[in-house]
Amino acid sequence: MKRYRYLPYVLLCCSIVLIVTFLIIPMLLSIEYSLKNYELSRPDNIYFVGIRNYLKIFTDKTLRGTILNSAYIVIFMSVFCFLGSVLGGLFLNNLKKGRAMLLTILILPWALPPIVSGIIWENIMSPSMGAINGLLYKAGIIENYIIFTKSSFITINIVAMIEIWKCLPFFIILLLAALQAIPEELYEAASLDGADSLRCFIHITFPSIIPTIAIILSLAAIQGLNIFDVLYIIAKFRSDTRTLAMESYVKVFQNLNLGYGSAIAYVLLILGTIFSIMYVKNLYEKVNI
């Protein structure tokens, strides 16, 4: 057994080497790039600019539409994930039969990889052979097939709804668990005092699920900030539908502007960290209730 005594330390060192090589070092290098004017197309013109790349994000007129797209998706997803999770959780909580089967079906969209979800919906909305166009045409609602992604605003909404379709089942299950954790004695005591269903929801149910709702809003915001796969499948690299995550990719891998692209990525990281702190804080409060 002595020859295996140092095996855990060897395995730990291997893990540390991998983390440092593929995570820490690239992160430090990207931070350095974000503080420089670093364009691979002009290797003779690389110099330190400090936080100028970060300030440029909020003053760049060409990036305003991208920022608005990201903000809109985050707000859209947060609102509909909140409403959908509350309504879905309440419905399943009051459902007496078939809940297990419904939960099994409900979780399927969440289990799909994002790229698969994007391909499925791209085919469903196809302007030449999509199921939606086919149904509308056969029902006599439309005379010609519709190009759903022609408008940038409609495209952004479609992408946001696909993301909601994908992550909402998980949020509903989170809320269902929170609802089932509320003691029945509270409702019994309230009914003895003459409280109706609405008063029970306002004074018992809703205050009890606030930490879970905060977790759902945090996760929805993080998901909205990081949209890339579905947006790429539906709209490719159209400039009018880009989010900050896609803009960072375009700046680095297409324009070869490592400095500006890295700065955009770190702004996303900071925003994601803020929502992550909210998530951890509310999760901690929920665990310690």
Protein backbone atom coordinates (compact mmCIF):
# COMPACT_ATOMS: atom_id res chain seq x y z
CA MET A 1 0.00 0.00 0.00
CA LYS A 2 2.96 2.33 0.51
CA ARG A 3 3.60 2.59 -3.21
CA TYR A 4 0.12 4.14 -3.62
CA ARG A 5 0.64 6.64 -0.83
CA TYR A 6 1.66 9.44 -3.18
CA LEU A 7 -0.87 8.61 -5.91
CA PRO A 8 -3.48 11.18 -4.74
CA TYR A 9 -0.83 13.92 -4.79
CA VAL A 10 0.31 12.91 -8.28
CA LEU A 11 -3.27 13.01 -9.57
CA LEU A 12 -3.83 16.36 -7.85
CA CYS A 13 -0.67 17.78 -9.44
CA CYS A 14 -1.85 16.59 -12.86
CA SER A 15 -5.16 18.39 -12.34
CA ILE A 16 -3.39 21.55 -11.23
CA VAL A 17 -1.10 21.47 -14.27
CA LEU A 18 -4.10 21.10 -16.61
CA ILE A 19 -6.02 23.93 -14.89
CA VAL A 20 -3.02 26.26 -14.98
CA THR A 21 -2.19 25.40 -18.61
CA PHE A 22 -5.66 25.54 -20.12
CA LEU A 23 -7.46 27.98 -17.79
CA ILE A 24 -5.24 30.26 -15.71
CA ILE A 25 -2.58 31.08 -18.31
CA PRO A 26 -5.09 31.77 -21.15
CA MET A 27 -7.14 33.92 -18.76
CA LEU A 28 -4.11 35.98 -17.75
CA LEU A 29 -3.07 36.36 -21.39
CA SER A 30 -6.56 37.49 -22.41
CA ILE A 31 -6.56 40.07 -19.59
CA GLU A 32 -3.26 41.36 -20.95
CA TYR A 33 -4.68 41.48 -24.48
CA SER A 34 -7.75 43.43 -23.28
CA LEU A 35 -5.44 46.18 -22.01
CA LYS A 36 -3.66 46.55 -25.34
CA ASN A 37 -4.36 47.62 -28.88
CA TYR A 38 -3.79 44.07 -30.11
CA GLU A 39 -4.71 43.36 -33.74
CA LEU A 40 -3.12 40.32 -35.36
CA SER A 41 -3.55 41.96 -38.75
CA ARG A 42 -1.19 44.72 -37.58
CA PRO A 43 1.50 43.01 -35.46
CA ASP A 44 3.72 46.09 -35.73
CA ASN A 45 1.13 48.29 -34.00
CA ILE A 46 0.60 46.54 -30.64
CA TYR A 47 0.78 48.84 -27.61
CA PHE A 48 -0.68 49.31 -24.12
CA VAL A 49 -3.93 51.31 -23.90
CA GLY A 50 -5.11 50.56 -20.34
CA ILE A 51 -8.89 50.52 -19.94
CA ARG A 52 -9.48 52.31 -23.24
CA ASN A 53 -10.89 49.13 -24.83
CA TYR A 54 -13.40 48.81 -21.98
CA LEU A 55 -14.47 52.45 -22.27
CA LYS A 56 -14.81 52.07 -26.03
CA ILE A 57 -17.49 49.40 -25.54
CA PHE A 58 -19.88 51.98 -24.07
CA THR A 59 -19.03 54.73 -26.57
CA ASP A 60 -18.78 52.66 -29.76
CA LYS A 61 -21.83 53.57 -31.88
CA THR A 62 -21.51 50.36 -33.90
CA LEU A 63 -21.88 48.37 -30.67
CA ARG A 64 -25.03 50.07 -29.36
CA GLY A 65 -27.35 47.72 -31.22
CA THR A 66 -25.42 44.73 -29.87
CA ILE A 67 -25.71 46.00 -26.28
CA LEU A 68 -29.43 46.66 -26.75
CA ASN A 69 -29.90 43.14 -28.18
CA SER A 70 -28.19 41.57 -25.17
CA ALA A 71 -30.12 43.75 -22.70
CA TYR A 72 -33.42 42.99 -24.44
CA ILE A 73 -32.80 39.22 -24.41
CA VAL A 74 -31.85 39.28 -20.71
CA ILE A 75 -34.99 41.25 -19.77
CA PHE A 76 -37.24 39.19 -22.09
CA MET A 77 -35.95 35.89 -20.71
CA SER A 78 -36.09 37.05 -17.09
CA VAL A 79 -39.73 38.18 -17.37
CA PHE A 80 -41.01 35.11 -19.21
CA CYS A 81 -38.96 32.65 -17.16
CA PHE A 82 -40.39 34.22 -14.01
CA LEU A 83 -43.99 34.07 -15.23
CA GLY A 84 -43.61 30.65 -16.85
CA SER A 85 -41.91 29.04 -13.86
CA VAL A 86 -44.49 30.39 -11.38
CA LEU A 87 -47.49 29.34 -13.50
CA GLY A 88 -45.95 25.99 -14.42
CA GLY A 89 -44.87 25.26 -10.86
CA LEU A 90 -48.32 26.09 -9.47
CA PHE A 91 -50.00 23.95 -12.13
CA LEU A 92 -47.80 20.92 -11.43
CA ASN A 93 -48.08 21.41 -7.68
CA ASN A 94 -51.88 21.20 -7.91
CA LEU A 95 -51.80 18.32 -10.41
CA LYS A 96 -52.76 15.06 -8.76
CA LYS A 97 -52.37 12.55 -11.60
CA GLY A 98 -49.79 12.25 -14.34
CA ARG A 99 -47.26 14.61 -12.74
CA ALA A 100 -44.31 12.21 -13.07
CA MET A 101 -45.00 11.54 -16.77
CA LEU A 102 -45.48 15.25 -17.47
CA LEU A 103 -42.21 16.09 -15.71
CA THR A 104 -40.40 13.48 -17.80
CA ILE A 105 -41.73 15.02 -21.02
CA LEU A 106 -41.15 18.55 -19.76
CA ILE A 107 -37.46 18.04 -19.03
CA LEU A 108 -36.61 16.86 -22.58
CA PRO A 109 -35.95 20.35 -24.08
CA TRP A 110 -33.59 21.17 -21.22
CA ALA A 111 -31.64 17.94 -21.85
CA LEU A 112 -30.97 18.81 -25.51
CA PRO A 113 -27.62 20.42 -26.40
CA PRO A 114 -28.03 24.08 -27.49
CA ILE A 115 -26.78 23.38 -31.00
CA VAL A 116 -29.39 20.63 -31.42
CA SER A 117 -32.15 22.94 -30.19
CA GLY A 118 -31.06 25.55 -32.73
CA ILE A 119 -31.08 23.04 -35.61
CA ILE A 120 -34.52 21.71 -34.63
CA TRP A 121 -36.07 25.17 -34.55
CA GLU A 122 -34.25 26.25 -37.72
CA ASN A 123 -35.92 23.36 -39.54
CA ILE A 124 -39.30 24.06 -37.94
CA MET A 125 -39.18 27.69 -39.10
CA SER A 126 -37.62 27.02 -42.48
CA PRO A 127 -39.11 29.30 -45.19
CA SER A 128 -39.15 26.44 -47.71
CA MET A 129 -40.07 23.28 -45.76
CA GLY A 130 -40.72 24.35 -42.18
CA ALA A 131 -43.50 22.77 -40.15
CA ILE A 132 -44.93 26.13 -39.02
CA ASN A 133 -45.21 27.45 -42.57
CA GLY A 134 -46.71 24.15 -43.70
CA LEU A 135 -49.40 24.21 -41.01
CA LEU A 136 -50.26 27.87 -41.62
CA TYR A 137 -50.44 27.29 -45.38
CA LYS A 138 -52.66 24.21 -45.09
CA ALA A 139 -54.92 26.03 -42.64
CA GLY A 140 -55.34 28.83 -45.20
CA ILE A 141 -53.90 31.49 -42.89
CA ILE A 142 -51.06 32.40 -45.29
CA GLU A 143 -50.79 32.27 -49.08
CA ASN A 144 -46.98 32.30 -49.26
CA TYR A 145 -44.37 30.87 -46.93
CA ILE A 146 -42.99 33.38 -44.42
CA ILE A 147 -39.30 34.13 -43.77
CA PHE A 148 -39.50 34.41 -39.98
CA THR A 149 -35.93 35.67 -39.52
CA LYS A 150 -36.19 38.50 -42.04
CA SER A 151 -36.69 41.13 -39.31
CA SER A 152 -33.93 41.57 -36.75
CA PHE A 153 -36.45 42.26 -33.96
CA ILE A 154 -38.44 39.10 -34.73
CA THR A 155 -35.21 37.09 -34.97
CA ILE A 156 -34.06 38.28 -31.53
CA ASN A 157 -37.46 37.35 -30.08
CA ILE A 158 -37.34 33.93 -31.74
CA VAL A 159 -33.89 33.24 -30.29
CA ALA A 160 -35.02 34.38 -26.84
CA MET A 161 -38.13 32.16 -27.01
CA ILE A 162 -36.03 29.15 -28.06
CA GLU A 163 -33.77 29.72 -25.04
CA ILE A 164 -36.84 30.04 -22.80
CA TRP A 165 -38.25 26.81 -24.29
CA LYS A 166 -34.95 25.12 -23.45
CA CYS A 167 -34.36 26.35 -19.88
CA LEU A 168 -37.92 26.91 -18.59
CA PRO A 169 -38.52 23.21 -17.70
CA PHE A 170 -35.59 23.30 -15.29
CA PHE A 171 -36.90 26.50 -13.70
CA ILE A 172 -40.39 24.99 -13.33
CA ILE A 173 -38.93 21.99 -11.52
CA LEU A 174 -36.97 24.33 -9.22
CA LEU A 175 -40.13 26.23 -8.35
CA LEU A 176 -42.13 23.03 -7.92
CA ALA A 177 -39.57 21.85 -5.37
CA ALA A 178 -39.87 25.17 -3.53
CA LEU A 179 -43.67 24.94 -3.49
CA GLN A 180 -43.61 21.39 -2.16
CA ALA A 181 -41.25 22.44 0.62
CA ILE A 182 -43.82 24.86 2.10
CA PRO A 183 -45.33 23.26 5.25
CA GLU A 184 -49.01 22.37 4.89
CA GLU A 185 -49.57 23.57 8.47
CA LEU A 186 -49.25 27.16 7.28
CA TYR A 187 -52.14 26.74 4.84
CA GLU A 188 -54.23 24.92 7.44
CA ALA A 189 -53.72 27.71 9.95
CA ALA A 190 -54.55 30.33 7.34
CA SER A 191 -57.75 28.53 6.34
CA LEU A 192 -58.84 28.41 9.98
CA ASP A 193 -58.39 32.19 10.08
CA GLY A 194 -60.66 32.51 7.05
CA ALA A 195 -58.00 33.20 4.39
CA ASP A 196 -58.95 32.38 0.81
CA SER A 197 -56.64 31.02 -1.92
CA LEU A 198 -55.52 34.48 -3.07
CA ARG A 199 -54.57 35.58 0.45
CA CYS A 200 -52.73 32.30 1.01
CA PHE A 201 -50.74 32.88 -2.17
CA ILE A 202 -49.91 36.51 -1.29
CA HIS A 203 -48.99 35.93 2.35
CA ILE A 204 -47.65 32.35 2.37
CA THR A 205 -46.78 30.97 -1.07
CA PHE A 206 -45.13 33.96 -2.71
CA PRO A 207 -42.92 35.00 0.25
CA SER A 208 -41.78 31.37 0.58
CA ILE A 209 -40.69 31.08 -3.05
CA ILE A 210 -38.96 34.49 -3.36
CA PRO A 211 -35.42 33.00 -2.89
CA THR A 212 -36.15 30.44 -5.63
CA ILE A 213 -37.53 33.15 -7.92
CA ALA A 214 -34.34 35.16 -7.36
CA ILE A 215 -32.29 32.09 -8.31
CA ILE A 216 -34.39 31.61 -11.46
CA LEU A 217 -33.98 35.27 -12.46
CA SER A 218 -30.20 35.07 -11.91
CA LEU A 219 -29.86 31.90 -14.00
CA ALA A 220 -32.11 33.32 -16.74
CA ALA A 221 -29.98 36.48 -16.91
CA ILE A 222 -26.76 34.45 -17.11
CA GLN A 223 -28.29 32.28 -19.85
CA GLY A 224 -29.40 35.37 -21.75
CA LEU A 225 -25.93 36.93 -21.59
CA ASN A 226 -24.24 33.79 -22.91
CA ILE A 227 -26.50 33.10 -25.89
CA PHE A 228 -24.38 32.01 -28.84
CA ASP A 229 -25.17 28.55 -30.26
CA VAL A 230 -28.86 29.09 -31.02
CA LEU A 231 -28.25 32.62 -32.32
CA TYR A 232 -25.52 31.35 -34.64
CA ILE A 233 -27.79 28.61 -36.05
CA ILE A 234 -30.78 30.93 -36.54
CA ALA A 235 -29.09 34.17 -37.70
CA LYS A 236 -25.44 33.30 -38.35
CA PHE A 237 -23.24 36.45 -37.99
CA ARG A 238 -25.78 39.09 -39.01
CA SER A 239 -24.67 42.42 -37.55
CA ASP A 240 -28.23 43.47 -36.64
CA THR A 241 -28.86 40.42 -34.42
CA ARG A 242 -25.55 40.05 -32.62
CA THR A 243 -25.26 39.86 -28.86
CA LEU A 244 -22.17 40.75 -26.84
CA ALA A 245 -21.08 37.11 -26.73
CA MET A 246 -21.23 36.81 -30.51
CA GLU A 247 -19.64 40.24 -30.99
CA SER A 248 -16.68 39.14 -28.88
CA TYR A 249 -16.29 36.04 -31.08
CA VAL A 250 -16.49 38.09 -34.28
CA LYS A 251 -13.97 40.65 -33.06
CA VAL A 252 -11.43 37.99 -32.05
CA PHE A 253 -11.80 35.24 -34.66
CA GLN A 254 -12.98 37.17 -37.72
CA ASN A 255 -11.53 40.66 -37.26
CA LEU A 256 -8.47 39.32 -35.39
CA ASN A 257 -8.82 42.16 -32.86
CA LEU A 258 -7.76 40.33 -29.70
CA GLY A 259 -7.65 43.47 -27.57
CA TYR A 260 -11.18 44.77 -28.17
CA GLY A 261 -12.71 41.28 -28.36
CA SER A 262 -11.13 40.26 -25.05
CA ALA A 263 -12.42 43.45 -23.41
CA ILE A 264 -15.98 42.63 -24.55
CA ALA A 265 -15.58 39.11 -23.18
CA TYR A 266 -14.48 40.43 -19.79
CA VAL A 267 -17.38 42.87 -19.62
CA LEU A 268 -19.62 39.83 -20.13
CA LEU A 269 -17.66 38.00 -17.42
CA ILE A 270 -18.18 40.88 -14.97
CA LEU A 271 -21.92 41.02 -15.71
CA GLY A 272 -22.17 37.24 -15.36
CA THR A 273 -20.26 37.40 -12.07
CA ILE A 274 -22.74 39.96 -10.70
CA PHE A 275 -25.67 37.67 -11.51
CA SER A 276 -23.71 34.68 -10.16
CA ILE A 277 -23.20 36.47 -6.84
CA MET A 278 -26.95 37.11 -6.69
CA TYR A 279 -27.54 33.42 -7.43
CA VAL A 280 -25.13 32.17 -4.75
CA LYS A 281 -26.45 34.67 -2.20
CA ASN A 282 -30.06 33.62 -2.69
CA LEU A 283 -29.14 29.94 -2.84
CA TYR A 284 -27.31 30.31 0.48
CA GLU A 285 -30.29 32.06 2.04
CA LYS A 286 -32.62 29.33 0.71
CA VAL A 287 -30.46 26.54 2.14
CA ASN A 288 -30.34 28.25 5.52
CA ILE A 289 -34.10 28.91 5.80
